[in-house]
Amino acid sequence: MALVALRRLPAACSVATDGRRSYAGSLGGRPHEVRPSRELEMVNSLHSRLKAFIGRFNGVSNRRLQRYLDWFCWREQFRRSARGRRELLFAHEASGPTCARAS
């Protein structure tokens, strides 16, 4: 799967890894940037949470994908703070209706 992804990237793209020697042969001569493992752990963790979030639904259409991604980003921003979510919802409620209602 990684080789398929590498074929789709332009040759000038740099690939960031944790520096394991086993990656050198599969990179196809692309520039190789070694990053601290903490940075890559954060990316892998975010990817795992996104995959779990999207996996709850019975398929996501391309047409609505941006809405699901926006929802995921909103959840991520307030992931550790229920108070932040609650305050945001109260602020939206206090500002009045967001949609114009037909008379």
Foldseek 3Di string as FASTA:
>chain_A
DVLVVLVPDPQADEAEDCDDPVCVVSNVPHHYHHDHVVVVVVVVVLVVVLCVQCVVDPDDDPVCVVVSVVVSVVCVVCVPPPPVVVVVVVVCVVVPDPDDDDD
